[in-house]
Amino acid sequence: MKSTGIVRKVDELGRIVLPIELRRTLDIAERDPLEIYVDGSSIVLTKYQPACVFCGSSKHIASHMGKNVCAACLKQLSKL
């Protein structure tokens, strides 16, 4: 991991602020969803990208009955 030298305190509600420079660099806009992972003793934030529940693809995603499904899997499901 690359250190940025940026330090932020957690507020009383458990929030931290991501600095504008970091958000611009990583193309994170207001209201963008972020996924939170734990890697050992580290917290990792990644920009959320919906993926197909069947094959994991993130291309041509549509929501079907509340689940993310890619076009190829949706086509296969329609044949059943």
PDB file of N, CA and C in Angstrom:
ATOM      1  N   MET A   1       0.833  -1.183   0.000  1.00  0.00           N
ATOM      2  CA  MET A   1       0.000   0.000   0.000  1.00  0.00           C
ATOM      3  C   MET A   1       0.877   1.246   0.000  1.00  0.00           C
ATOM      4  N   LYS A   2       0.361   2.275  -0.625  1.00  0.00           N
ATOM      5  CA  LYS A   2       1.087   3.535  -0.710  1.00  0.00           C
ATOM      6  C   LYS A   2       0.568   4.498   0.355  1.00  0.00           C
ATOM      7  N   SER A   3       1.476   5.050   1.158  1.00  0.00           N
ATOM      8  CA  SER A   3       1.088   6.001   2.194  1.00  0.00           C
ATOM      9  C   SER A   3       0.835   7.375   1.576  1.00  0.00           C
ATOM     10  N   THR A   4      -0.258   8.018   2.018  1.00  0.00           N
ATOM     11  CA  THR A   4      -0.567   9.367   1.536  1.00  0.00           C
ATOM     12  C   THR A   4      -0.099  10.431   2.517  1.00  0.00           C
ATOM     13  N   GLY A   5       0.157  10.034   3.747  1.00  0.00           N
ATOM     14  CA  GLY A   5       0.535  10.999   4.772  1.00  0.00           C
ATOM     15  C   GLY A   5      -0.656  11.741   5.346  1.00  0.00           C
ATOM     16  N   ILE A   6      -1.852  11.390   4.922  1.00  0.00           N
ATOM     17  CA  ILE A   6      -3.076  12.040   5.402  1.00  0.00           C
ATOM     18  C   ILE A   6      -3.582  11.283   6.625  1.00  0.00           C
ATOM     19  N   VAL A   7      -3.879  11.995   7.691  1.00  0.00           N
ATOM     20  CA  VAL A   7      -4.413  11.391   8.907  1.00  0.00           C
ATOM     21  C   VAL A   7      -5.736  12.080   9.234  1.00  0.00           C
ATOM     22  N   ARG A   8      -6.755  11.300   9.510  1.00  0.00           N
ATOM     23  CA  ARG A   8      -8.057  11.829   9.881  1.00  0.00           C
ATOM     24  C   ARG A   8      -8.532  11.132  11.147  1.00  0.00           C
ATOM     25  N   LYS A   9      -9.249  11.842  12.007  1.00  0.00           N
ATOM     26  CA  LYS A   9      -9.819  11.261  13.209  1.00  0.00           C
ATOM     27  C   LYS A   9     -11.242  10.783  12.927  1.00  0.00           C
ATOM     28  N   VAL A  10     -11.630   9.729  13.625  1.00  0.00           N
ATOM     29  CA  VAL A  10     -12.992   9.224  13.556  1.00  0.00           C
ATOM     30  C   VAL A  10     -13.833  10.074  14.499  1.00  0.00           C
ATOM     31  N   ASP A  11     -14.997  10.564  14.009  1.00  0.00           N
ATOM     32  CA  ASP A  11     -15.837  11.396  14.877  1.00  0.00           C
ATOM     33  C   ASP A  11     -16.685  10.527  15.803  1.00  0.00           C
ATOM     34  N   GLU A  12     -17.508  11.170  16.633  1.00  0.00           N
ATOM     35  CA  GLU A  12     -18.297  10.449  17.635  1.00  0.00           C
ATOM     36  C   GLU A  12     -19.335   9.508  17.021  1.00  0.00           C
ATOM     37  N   LEU A  13     -19.652   9.688  15.749  1.00  0.00           N
ATOM     38  CA  LEU A  13     -20.594   8.795  15.066  1.00  0.00           C
ATOM     39  C   LEU A  13     -19.880   7.738  14.219  1.00  0.00           C
ATOM     40  N   GLY A  14     -18.538   7.681  14.324  1.00  0.00           N
ATOM     41  CA  GLY A  14     -17.775   6.669  13.597  1.00  0.00           C
ATOM     42  C   GLY A  14     -17.438   7.058  12.170  1.00  0.00           C
ATOM     43  N   ARG A  15     -17.578   8.328  11.815  1.00  0.00           N
ATOM     44  CA  ARG A  15     -17.339   8.782  10.443  1.00  0.00           C
ATOM     45  C   ARG A  15     -15.929   9.341  10.288  1.00  0.00           C
ATOM     46  N   ILE A  16     -15.432   9.254   9.055  1.00  0.00           N
ATOM     47  CA  ILE A  16     -14.202   9.940   8.678  1.00  0.00           C
ATOM     48  C   ILE A  16     -14.485  10.701   7.391  1.00  0.00           C
ATOM     49  N   VAL A  17     -13.685  11.703   7.114  1.00  0.00           N
ATOM     50  CA  VAL A  17     -13.836  12.485   5.887  1.00  0.00           C
ATOM     51  C   VAL A  17     -12.710  12.097   4.940  1.00  0.00           C
ATOM     52  N   LEU A  18     -13.069  11.757   3.709  1.00  0.00           N
ATOM     53  CA  LEU A  18     -12.060  11.502   2.676  1.00  0.00           C
ATOM     54  C   LEU A  18     -11.706  12.843   2.047  1.00  0.00           C
ATOM     55  N   PRO A  19     -10.449  13.229   2.100  1.00  0.00           N
ATOM     56  CA  PRO A  19     -10.048  14.528   1.562  1.00  0.00           C
ATOM     57  C   PRO A  19     -10.383  14.678   0.076  1.00  0.00           C
ATOM     58  N   ILE A  20     -10.709  15.890  -0.330  1.00  0.00           N
ATOM     59  CA  ILE A  20     -11.106  16.178  -1.711  1.00  0.00           C
ATOM     60  C   ILE A  20     -10.029  15.758  -2.705  1.00  0.00           C
ATOM     61  N   GLU A  21      -8.757  15.931  -2.358  1.00  0.00           N
ATOM     62  CA  GLU A  21      -7.682  15.548  -3.280  1.00  0.00           C
ATOM     63  C   GLU A  21      -7.724  14.056  -3.554  1.00  0.00           C
ATOM     64  N   LEU A  22      -7.977  13.271  -2.516  1.00  0.00           N
ATOM     65  CA  LEU A  22      -8.057  11.819  -2.658  1.00  0.00           C
ATOM     66  C   LEU A  22      -9.282  11.419  -3.468  1.00  0.00           C
ATOM     67  N   ARG A  23     -10.414  12.075  -3.196  1.00  0.00           N
ATOM     68  CA  ARG A  23     -11.634  11.762  -3.948  1.00  0.00           C
ATOM     69  C   ARG A  23     -11.485  12.118  -5.420  1.00  0.00           C
ATOM     70  N   ARG A  24     -10.830  13.230  -5.709  1.00  0.00           N
ATOM     71  CA  ARG A  24     -10.610  13.605  -7.114  1.00  0.00           C
ATOM     72  C   ARG A  24      -9.689  12.620  -7.806  1.00  0.00           C
ATOM     73  N   THR A  25      -8.613  12.247  -7.134  1.00  0.00           N
ATOM     74  CA  THR A  25      -7.643  11.309  -7.706  1.00  0.00           C
ATOM     75  C   THR A  25      -8.288   9.956  -8.017  1.00  0.00           C
ATOM     76  N   LEU A  26      -9.163   9.504  -7.121  1.00  0.00           N
ATOM     77  CA  LEU A  26      -9.782   8.191  -7.272  1.00  0.00           C
ATOM     78  C   LEU A  26     -11.158   8.243  -7.928  1.00  0.00           C
ATOM     79  N   ASP A  27     -11.553   9.432  -8.422  1.00  0.00           N
ATOM     80  CA  ASP A  27     -12.840   9.620  -9.094  1.00  0.00           C
ATOM     81  C   ASP A  27     -14.018   9.159  -8.232  1.00  0.00           C
ATOM     82  N   ILE A  28     -14.022   9.617  -6.980  1.00  0.00           N
ATOM     83  CA  ILE A  28     -15.111   9.319  -6.053  1.00  0.00           C
ATOM     84  C   ILE A  28     -15.937  10.592  -5.889  1.00  0.00           C
ATOM     85  N   ALA A  29     -17.197  10.511  -6.287  1.00  0.00           N
ATOM     86  CA  ALA A  29     -18.091  11.666  -6.205  1.00  0.00           C
ATOM     87  C   ALA A  29     -18.990  11.538  -4.978  1.00  0.00           C
ATOM     88  N   GLU A  30     -19.664  12.642  -4.639  1.00  0.00           N
ATOM     89  CA  GLU A  30     -20.645  12.591  -3.555  1.00  0.00           C
ATOM     90  C   GLU A  30     -21.680  11.527  -3.870  1.00  0.00           C
ATOM     91  N   ARG A  31     -22.052  10.795  -2.857  1.00  0.00           N
ATOM     92  CA  ARG A  31     -23.076   9.742  -2.950  1.00  0.00           C
ATOM     93  C   ARG A  31     -22.616   8.485  -3.693  1.00  0.00           C
ATOM     94  N   ASP A  32     -21.360   8.394  -4.133  1.00  0.00           N
ATOM     95  CA  ASP A  32     -20.872   7.158  -4.740  1.00  0.00           C
ATOM     96  C   ASP A  32     -20.823   6.066  -3.670  1.00  0.00           C
ATOM     97  N   PRO A  33     -21.296   4.867  -4.006  1.00  0.00           N
ATOM     98  CA  PRO A  33     -21.218   3.785  -3.021  1.00  0.00           C
ATOM     99  C   PRO A  33     -19.788   3.239  -2.926  1.00  0.00           C
ATOM    100  N   LEU A  34     -19.356   2.950  -1.713  1.00  0.00           N
ATOM    101  CA  LEU A  34     -18.050   2.355  -1.476  1.00  0.00           C
ATOM    102  C   LEU A  34     -18.245   1.037  -0.750  1.00  0.00           C
ATOM    103  N   GLU A  35     -17.453   0.022  -1.133  1.00  0.00           N
ATOM    104  CA  GLU A  35     -17.468  -1.249  -0.426  1.00  0.00           C
ATOM    105  C   GLU A  35     -16.385  -1.220   0.636  1.00  0.00           C
ATOM    106  N   ILE A  36     -16.649  -1.862   1.759  1.00  0.00           N
ATOM    107  CA  ILE A  36     -15.703  -1.901   2.860  1.00  0.00           C
ATOM    108  C   ILE A  36     -15.254  -3.342   3.062  1.00  0.00           C
ATOM    109  N   TYR A  37     -13.943  -3.546   3.019  1.00  0.00           N
ATOM    110  CA  TYR A  37     -13.341  -4.861   3.244  1.00  0.00           C
ATOM    111  C   TYR A  37     -12.396  -4.786   4.423  1.00  0.00           C
ATOM    112  N   VAL A  38     -12.163  -5.911   5.045  1.00  0.00           N
ATOM    113  CA  VAL A  38     -11.151  -6.013   6.091  1.00  0.00           C
ATOM    114  C   VAL A  38     -10.079  -6.963   5.586  1.00  0.00           C
ATOM    115  N   ASP A  39      -8.824  -6.516   5.644  1.00  0.00           N
ATOM    116  CA  ASP A  39      -7.679  -7.321   5.226  1.00  0.00           C
ATOM    117  C   ASP A  39      -6.709  -7.360   6.398  1.00  0.00           C
ATOM    118  N   GLY A  40      -6.815  -8.401   7.214  1.00  0.00           N
ATOM    119  CA  GLY A  40      -6.019  -8.456   8.437  1.00  0.00           C
ATOM    120  C   GLY A  40      -6.464  -7.365   9.375  1.00  0.00           C
ATOM    121  N   SER A  41      -5.566  -6.452   9.704  1.00  0.00           N
ATOM    122  CA  SER A  41      -5.926  -5.340  10.584  1.00  0.00           C
ATOM    123  C   SER A  41      -6.148  -4.049   9.798  1.00  0.00           C
ATOM    124  N   SER A  42      -6.288  -4.157   8.473  1.00  0.00           N
ATOM    125  CA  SER A  42      -6.503  -2.984   7.626  1.00  0.00           C
ATOM    126  C   SER A  42      -7.946  -2.918   7.137  1.00  0.00           C
ATOM    127  N   ILE A  43      -8.439  -1.701   6.986  1.00  0.00           N
ATOM    128  CA  ILE A  43      -9.745  -1.455   6.382  1.00  0.00           C
ATOM    129  C   ILE A  43      -9.494  -0.961   4.967  1.00  0.00           C
ATOM    130  N   VAL A  44     -10.154  -1.595   3.993  1.00  0.00           N
ATOM    131  CA  VAL A  44      -9.962  -1.243   2.588  1.00  0.00           C
ATOM    132  C   VAL A  44     -11.283  -0.737   2.033  1.00  0.00           C
ATOM    133  N   LEU A  45     -11.276   0.441   1.427  1.00  0.00           N
ATOM    134  CA  LEU A  45     -12.456   1.003   0.771  1.00  0.00           C
ATOM    135  C   LEU A  45     -12.255   0.916  -0.731  1.00  0.00           C
ATOM    136  N   THR A  46     -13.251   0.415  -1.448  1.00  0.00           N
ATOM    137  CA  THR A  46     -13.191   0.385  -2.908  1.00  0.00           C
ATOM    138  C   THR A  46     -14.501   0.926  -3.454  1.00  0.00           C
ATOM    139  N   LYS A  47     -14.412   1.547  -4.599  1.00  0.00           N
ATOM    140  CA  LYS A  47     -15.606   2.052  -5.266  1.00  0.00           C
ATOM    141  C   LYS A  47     -16.453   0.847  -5.681  1.00  0.00           C
ATOM    142  N   TYR A  48     -17.717   0.862  -5.313  1.00  0.00           N
ATOM    143  CA  TYR A  48     -18.607  -0.266  -5.586  1.00  0.00           C
ATOM    144  C   TYR A  48     -18.955  -0.339  -7.066  1.00  0.00           C
ATOM    145  N   GLN A  49     -18.811  -1.528  -7.618  1.00  0.00           N
ATOM    146  CA  GLN A  49     -19.250  -1.786  -8.991  1.00  0.00           C
ATOM    147  C   GLN A  49     -20.143  -3.019  -8.956  1.00  0.00           C
ATOM    148  N   PRO A  50     -21.393  -2.864  -9.336  1.00  0.00           N
ATOM    149  CA  PRO A  50     -22.296  -4.012  -9.307  1.00  0.00           C
ATOM    150  C   PRO A  50     -21.806  -5.121 -10.217  1.00  0.00           C
ATOM    151  N   ALA A  51     -21.997  -6.360  -9.785  1.00  0.00           N
ATOM    152  CA  ALA A  51     -21.561  -7.515 -10.566  1.00  0.00           C
ATOM    153  C   ALA A  51     -22.689  -8.543 -10.612  1.00  0.00           C
ATOM    154  N   CYS A  52     -22.655  -9.372 -11.614  1.00  0.00           N
ATOM    155  CA  CYS A  52     -23.645 -10.432 -11.805  1.00  0.00           C
ATOM    156  C   CYS A  52     -23.564 -11.436 -10.655  1.00  0.00           C
ATOM    157  N   VAL A  53     -24.709 -11.795 -10.090  1.00  0.00           N
ATOM    158  CA  VAL A  53     -24.735 -12.744  -8.981  1.00  0.00           C
ATOM    159  C   VAL A  53     -24.365 -14.152  -9.428  1.00  0.00           C
ATOM    160  N   PHE A  54     -24.434 -14.417 -10.735  1.00  0.00           N
ATOM    161  CA  PHE A  54     -24.125 -15.755 -11.233  1.00  0.00           C
ATOM    162  C   PHE A  54     -22.679 -15.913 -11.684  1.00  0.00           C
ATOM    163  N   CYS A  55     -22.192 -14.990 -12.529  1.00  0.00           N
ATOM    164  CA  CYS A  55     -20.850 -15.163 -13.099  1.00  0.00           C
ATOM    165  C   CYS A  55     -19.832 -14.147 -12.608  1.00  0.00           C
ATOM    166  N   GLY A  56     -20.276 -13.105 -11.915  1.00  0.00           N
ATOM    167  CA  GLY A  56     -19.358 -12.102 -11.384  1.00  0.00           C
ATOM    168  C   GLY A  56     -18.972 -11.013 -12.367  1.00  0.00           C
ATOM    169  N   SER A  57     -19.475 -11.053 -13.589  1.00  0.00           N
ATOM    170  CA  SER A  57     -19.161 -10.040 -14.590  1.00  0.00           C
ATOM    171  C   SER A  57     -19.735  -8.685 -14.181  1.00  0.00           C
ATOM    172  N   SER A  58     -19.015  -7.617 -14.532  1.00  0.00           N
ATOM    173  CA  SER A  58     -19.531  -6.281 -14.229  1.00  0.00           C
ATOM    174  C   SER A  58     -19.927  -5.539 -15.501  1.00  0.00           C
ATOM    175  N   LYS A  59     -20.057  -6.272 -16.613  1.00  0.00           N
ATOM    176  CA  LYS A  59     -20.446  -5.662 -17.888  1.00  0.00           C
ATOM    177  C   LYS A  59     -21.914  -5.938 -18.177  1.00  0.00           C
ATOM    178  N   HIS A  60     -22.604  -4.922 -18.664  1.00  0.00           N
ATOM    179  CA  HIS A  60     -24.012  -5.029 -19.092  1.00  0.00           C
ATOM    180  C   HIS A  60     -24.892  -5.566 -17.961  1.00  0.00           C
ATOM    181  N   ILE A  61     -24.817  -4.930 -16.801  1.00  0.00           N
ATOM    182  CA  ILE A  61     -25.575  -5.362 -15.628  1.00  0.00           C
ATOM    183  C   ILE A  61     -26.966  -4.743 -15.630  1.00  0.00           C
ATOM    184  N   ALA A  62     -27.940  -5.574 -15.319  1.00  0.00           N
ATOM    185  CA  ALA A  62     -29.321  -5.119 -15.166  1.00  0.00           C
ATOM    186  C   ALA A  62     -29.847  -5.685 -13.855  1.00  0.00           C
ATOM    187  N   SER A  63     -30.821  -5.021 -13.286  1.00  0.00           N
ATOM    188  CA  SER A  63     -31.426  -5.517 -12.064  1.00  0.00           C
ATOM    189  C   SER A  63     -32.651  -6.341 -12.442  1.00  0.00           C
ATOM    190  N   HIS A  64     -32.682  -7.576 -11.971  1.00  0.00           N
ATOM    191  CA  HIS A  64     -33.814  -8.465 -12.250  1.00  0.00           C
ATOM    192  C   HIS A  64     -34.289  -9.033 -10.915  1.00  0.00           C
ATOM    193  N   MET A  65     -35.509  -8.685 -10.524  1.00  0.00           N
ATOM    194  CA  MET A  65     -36.095  -9.126  -9.265  1.00  0.00           C
ATOM    195  C   MET A  65     -35.184  -8.798  -8.079  1.00  0.00           C
ATOM    196  N   GLY A  66     -34.576  -7.605  -8.123  1.00  0.00           N
ATOM    197  CA  GLY A  66     -33.738  -7.141  -7.030  1.00  0.00           C
ATOM    198  C   GLY A  66     -32.319  -7.684  -7.024  1.00  0.00           C
ATOM    199  N   LYS A  67     -31.931  -8.441  -8.031  1.00  0.00           N
ATOM    200  CA  LYS A  67     -30.589  -9.006  -8.122  1.00  0.00           C
ATOM    201  C   LYS A  67     -29.902  -8.485  -9.373  1.00  0.00           C
ATOM    202  N   ASN A  68     -28.570  -8.313  -9.297  1.00  0.00           N
ATOM    203  CA  ASN A  68     -27.792  -7.871 -10.452  1.00  0.00           C
ATOM    204  C   ASN A  68     -27.458  -9.073 -11.326  1.00  0.00           C
ATOM    205  N   VAL A  69     -27.854  -8.984 -12.602  1.00  0.00           N
ATOM    206  CA  VAL A  69     -27.628 -10.074 -13.549  1.00  0.00           C
ATOM    207  C   VAL A  69     -27.096  -9.476 -14.845  1.00  0.00           C
ATOM    208  N   CYS A  70     -26.057 -10.103 -15.408  1.00  0.00           N
ATOM    209  CA  CYS A  70     -25.513  -9.610 -16.680  1.00  0.00           C
ATOM    210  C   CYS A  70     -26.402 -10.077 -17.822  1.00  0.00           C
ATOM    211  N   ALA A  71     -26.230  -9.462 -18.981  1.00  0.00           N
ATOM    212  CA  ALA A  71     -27.066  -9.762 -20.150  1.00  0.00           C
ATOM    213  C   ALA A  71     -26.927 -11.222 -20.569  1.00  0.00           C
ATOM    214  N   ALA A  72     -25.712 -11.766 -20.511  1.00  0.00           N
ATOM    215  CA  ALA A  72     -25.494 -13.152 -20.937  1.00  0.00           C
ATOM    216  C   ALA A  72     -26.224 -14.138 -20.015  1.00  0.00           C
ATOM    217  N   CYS A  73     -26.135 -13.929 -18.709  1.00  0.00           N
ATOM    218  CA  CYS A  73     -26.830 -14.818 -17.772  1.00  0.00           C
ATOM    219  C   CYS A  73     -28.344 -14.645 -17.862  1.00  0.00           C
ATOM    220  N   LEU A  74     -28.797 -13.413 -18.078  1.00  0.00           N
ATOM    221  CA  LEU A  74     -30.219 -13.160 -18.214  1.00  0.00           C
ATOM    222  C   LEU A  74     -30.761 -13.883 -19.440  1.00  0.00           C
ATOM    223  N   LYS A  75     -29.979 -13.905 -20.504  1.00  0.00           N
ATOM    224  CA  LYS A  75     -30.368 -14.621 -21.722  1.00  0.00           C
ATOM    225  C   LYS A  75     -30.479 -16.116 -21.442  1.00  0.00           C
ATOM    226  N   GLN A  76     -29.517 -16.659 -20.704  1.00  0.00           N
ATOM    227  CA  GLN A  76     -29.557 -18.083 -20.367  1.00  0.00           C
ATOM    228  C   GLN A  76     -30.743 -18.406 -19.445  1.00  0.00           C
ATOM    229  N   LEU A  77     -31.043 -17.492 -18.533  1.00  0.00           N
ATOM    230  CA  LEU A  77     -32.177 -17.708 -17.639  1.00  0.00           C
ATOM    231  C   LEU A  77     -33.503 -17.698 -18.401  1.00  0.00           C
ATOM    232  N   SER A  78     -33.585 -16.884 -19.413  1.00  0.00           N
ATOM    233  CA  SER A  78     -34.843 -16.790 -20.162  1.00  0.00           C
ATOM    234  C   SER A  78     -35.107 -18.061 -20.961  1.00  0.00           C
ATOM    235  N   LYS A  79     -34.068 -18.858 -21.199  1.00  0.00           N
ATOM    236  CA  LYS A  79     -34.231 -20.127 -21.926  1.00  0.00           C
ATOM    237  C   LYS A  79     -34.786 -21.243 -21.046  1.00  0.00           C
ATOM    238  N   LEU A  80     -34.727 -21.056 -19.723  1.00  0.00           N
ATOM    239  CA  LEU A  80     -35.181 -22.111 -18.803  1.00  0.00           C
ATOM    240  C   LEU A  80     -36.669 -22.218 -18.743  1.00  0.00           C
TER     241      LEU A  80
END
